[in-house]
């Protein structure tokens, strides 16, 4: 979902906006279910920033990987 809105050709397209909404909803849900109950000192903004960093790292690794045959 991240790449569908972060690297979209048209950031104002309905599909781009929907991908961003879904991504943010999922990050919020993960934070509420998995982070907030166990890590009181971590904020949603910090968590979201880390998730975005990991998404960017993953996408960069995928682009550098040679195609498999």
N, C-alpha and C. Protein backbone atom coordinates (compact mmCIF):
# COMPACT_ATOMS: atom_id res chain seq x y z
N UNK A 1 0.82 -1.20 0.00
CA UNK A 1 0.00 0.00 0.00
C UNK A 1 0.86 1.26 0.00
N UNK A 2 1.98 1.21 0.72
CA UNK A 2 2.82 2.39 0.85
C UNK A 2 3.28 2.90 -0.51
N UNK A 3 3.77 2.01 -1.34
CA UNK A 3 4.30 2.44 -2.64
C UNK A 3 3.20 2.94 -3.57
N UNK A 4 1.97 2.48 -3.36
CA UNK A 4 0.86 2.91 -4.22
C UNK A 4 0.53 4.38 -4.03
N UNK A 5 0.81 4.93 -2.84
CA UNK A 5 0.55 6.37 -2.68
C UNK A 5 1.83 7.18 -2.62
N UNK A 6 2.90 6.62 -2.10
CA UNK A 6 4.14 7.38 -1.97
C UNK A 6 4.77 7.67 -3.34
N UNK A 7 4.71 6.71 -4.24
CA UNK A 7 5.35 6.85 -5.54
C UNK A 7 4.33 6.89 -6.68
N UNK A 8 3.14 7.36 -6.39
CA UNK A 8 2.07 7.40 -7.39
C UNK A 8 2.35 8.48 -8.44
N UNK A 9 2.00 8.19 -9.67
CA UNK A 9 2.14 9.17 -10.75
C UNK A 9 1.20 10.36 -10.53
N UNK A 10 0.02 10.06 -10.03
CA UNK A 10 -0.96 11.12 -9.76
C UNK A 10 -1.36 11.05 -8.29
N UNK A 11 -0.76 11.90 -7.45
CA UNK A 11 -1.06 11.84 -6.01
C UNK A 11 -2.49 12.25 -5.66
N UNK A 12 -3.22 12.81 -6.62
CA UNK A 12 -4.60 13.21 -6.36
C UNK A 12 -5.62 12.20 -6.87
N UNK A 13 -5.15 11.08 -7.41
CA UNK A 13 -6.08 10.08 -7.93
C UNK A 13 -6.82 9.39 -6.79
N UNK A 14 -8.01 8.92 -7.06
CA UNK A 14 -8.78 8.22 -6.03
C UNK A 14 -8.06 6.97 -5.49
N UNK A 15 -7.39 6.23 -6.37
CA UNK A 15 -6.69 5.02 -5.90
C UNK A 15 -5.52 5.37 -4.99
N UNK A 16 -4.85 6.47 -5.28
CA UNK A 16 -3.74 6.93 -4.43
C UNK A 16 -4.27 7.34 -3.06
N UNK A 17 -5.33 8.09 -3.05
CA UNK A 17 -5.91 8.54 -1.79
C UNK A 17 -6.42 7.37 -0.96
N UNK A 18 -7.03 6.39 -1.63
CA UNK A 18 -7.54 5.21 -0.93
C UNK A 18 -6.39 4.38 -0.34
N UNK A 19 -5.31 4.24 -1.09
CA UNK A 19 -4.15 3.51 -0.58
C UNK A 19 -3.58 4.19 0.66
N UNK A 20 -3.54 5.50 0.65
CA UNK A 20 -3.02 6.25 1.80
C UNK A 20 -3.93 6.06 3.01
N UNK A 21 -5.22 6.11 2.79
CA UNK A 21 -6.19 5.90 3.88
C UNK A 21 -6.03 4.50 4.46
N UNK A 22 -5.93 3.49 3.59
CA UNK A 22 -5.77 2.11 4.06
C UNK A 22 -4.46 1.93 4.82
N UNK A 23 -3.38 2.51 4.31
CA UNK A 23 -2.09 2.41 4.98
C UNK A 23 -2.16 3.03 6.37
N UNK A 24 -2.69 4.24 6.47
CA UNK A 24 -2.79 4.90 7.76
C UNK A 24 -3.69 4.15 8.73
N UNK A 25 -4.77 3.60 8.22
CA UNK A 25 -5.68 2.81 9.05
C UNK A 25 -4.97 1.57 9.60
N UNK A 26 -4.20 0.91 8.74
CA UNK A 26 -3.48 -0.29 9.16
C UNK A 26 -2.40 0.05 10.19
N UNK A 27 -1.66 1.13 9.97
CA UNK A 27 -0.63 1.55 10.93
C UNK A 27 -1.28 1.87 12.28
N UNK A 28 -2.38 2.58 12.26
CA UNK A 28 -3.08 2.90 13.50
C UNK A 28 -3.55 1.64 14.22
N UNK A 29 -4.07 0.69 13.47
CA UNK A 29 -4.55 -0.55 14.06
C UNK A 29 -3.40 -1.35 14.67
N UNK A 30 -2.28 -1.44 13.94
CA UNK A 30 -1.11 -2.13 14.47
C UNK A 30 -0.61 -1.47 15.75
N UNK A 31 -0.59 -0.15 15.75
CA UNK A 31 -0.15 0.58 16.93
C UNK A 31 -1.07 0.28 18.12
N UNK A 32 -2.37 0.38 17.89
CA UNK A 32 -3.34 0.16 18.97
C UNK A 32 -3.30 -1.27 19.50
N UNK A 33 -3.14 -2.25 18.61
CA UNK A 33 -3.18 -3.66 19.01
C UNK A 33 -1.85 -4.19 19.54
N UNK A 34 -0.76 -3.76 18.95
CA UNK A 34 0.52 -4.41 19.23
C UNK A 34 1.54 -3.54 19.95
N UNK A 35 1.40 -2.25 19.89
CA UNK A 35 2.43 -1.38 20.46
C UNK A 35 1.94 -0.69 21.73
N UNK A 36 0.84 -0.01 21.64
CA UNK A 36 0.36 0.80 22.77
C UNK A 36 0.26 0.01 24.08
N UNK A 37 -0.28 -1.22 24.07
CA UNK A 37 -0.40 -1.94 25.35
C UNK A 37 0.95 -2.31 26.00
N UNK A 38 2.00 -2.38 25.20
CA UNK A 38 3.28 -2.89 25.72
C UNK A 38 4.38 -1.85 25.79
N UNK A 39 4.30 -0.81 25.00
CA UNK A 39 5.37 0.20 24.93
C UNK A 39 4.76 1.59 25.10
N UNK A 40 4.53 1.96 26.34
CA UNK A 40 3.87 3.23 26.66
C UNK A 40 4.66 4.45 26.20
N UNK A 41 5.99 4.32 26.13
CA UNK A 41 6.81 5.48 25.79
C UNK A 41 6.86 5.75 24.28
N UNK A 42 6.41 4.83 23.46
CA UNK A 42 6.44 5.00 22.00
C UNK A 42 5.15 5.65 21.54
N UNK A 43 5.27 6.74 20.79
CA UNK A 43 4.08 7.44 20.30
C UNK A 43 3.70 6.92 18.91
N UNK A 44 2.49 7.23 18.50
CA UNK A 44 2.01 6.84 17.18
C UNK A 44 2.87 7.49 16.09
N UNK A 45 3.27 8.73 16.30
CA UNK A 45 4.10 9.43 15.31
C UNK A 45 5.45 8.73 15.15
N UNK A 46 6.05 8.33 16.25
CA UNK A 46 7.33 7.61 16.19
C UNK A 46 7.15 6.26 15.49
N UNK A 47 6.10 5.55 15.85
CA UNK A 47 5.83 4.24 15.24
C UNK A 47 5.59 4.37 13.75
N UNK A 48 4.77 5.33 13.37
CA UNK A 48 4.47 5.55 11.94
C UNK A 48 5.76 5.87 11.18
N UNK A 49 6.61 6.71 11.75
CA UNK A 49 7.87 7.05 11.11
C UNK A 49 8.75 5.82 10.90
N UNK A 50 8.79 4.94 11.87
CA UNK A 50 9.58 3.72 11.74
C UNK A 50 8.99 2.79 10.69
N UNK A 51 7.68 2.67 10.65
CA UNK A 51 7.03 1.83 9.64
C UNK A 51 7.33 2.37 8.25
N UNK A 52 7.25 3.67 8.06
CA UNK A 52 7.54 4.27 6.76
C UNK A 52 8.99 4.03 6.38
N UNK A 53 9.91 4.17 7.33
CA UNK A 53 11.33 3.90 7.05
C UNK A 53 11.54 2.46 6.61
N UNK A 54 10.88 1.52 7.29
CA UNK A 54 11.01 0.11 6.92
C UNK A 54 10.41 -0.15 5.55
N UNK A 55 9.30 0.48 5.23
CA UNK A 55 8.69 0.32 3.90
C UNK A 55 9.65 0.81 2.82
N UNK A 56 10.28 1.96 3.05
CA UNK A 56 11.21 2.50 2.07
C UNK A 56 12.42 1.58 1.90
N UNK A 57 12.94 1.06 3.02
CA UNK A 57 14.08 0.12 2.93
C UNK A 57 13.70 -1.13 2.14
N UNK A 58 12.53 -1.66 2.43
CA UNK A 58 12.07 -2.86 1.73
C UNK A 58 11.95 -2.60 0.23
N UNK A 59 11.33 -1.50 -0.13
CA UNK A 59 11.16 -1.18 -1.55
C UNK A 59 12.50 -0.96 -2.24
N UNK A 60 13.44 -0.33 -1.57
CA UNK A 60 14.78 -0.14 -2.14
C UNK A 60 15.48 -1.48 -2.35
N UNK A 61 15.35 -2.39 -1.41
CA UNK A 61 15.96 -3.73 -1.57
C UNK A 61 15.33 -4.47 -2.73
N UNK A 62 14.02 -4.36 -2.87
CA UNK A 62 13.31 -5.05 -3.96
C UNK A 62 13.76 -4.52 -5.32
N UNK A 63 13.99 -3.23 -5.42
CA UNK A 63 14.44 -2.66 -6.71
C UNK A 63 15.84 -3.09 -7.06
N UNK A 64 16.68 -3.30 -6.07
CA UNK A 64 18.07 -3.68 -6.32
C UNK A 64 18.23 -5.17 -6.59
N UNK A 65 17.26 -5.96 -6.21
CA UNK A 65 17.33 -7.40 -6.41
C UNK A 65 17.19 -7.72 -7.89
N UNK A 66 18.14 -8.48 -8.44
CA UNK A 66 18.01 -8.84 -9.86
C UNK A 66 16.79 -9.74 -10.08
N UNK A 67 16.17 -9.63 -11.22
CA UNK A 67 14.98 -10.47 -11.47
C UNK A 67 15.33 -11.94 -11.47
N UNK A 68 14.45 -12.74 -10.90
CA UNK A 68 14.68 -14.18 -10.88
C UNK A 68 14.10 -14.80 -12.15
N UNK A 69 14.72 -15.87 -12.57
CA UNK A 69 14.32 -16.53 -13.81
C UNK A 69 13.36 -17.65 -13.53
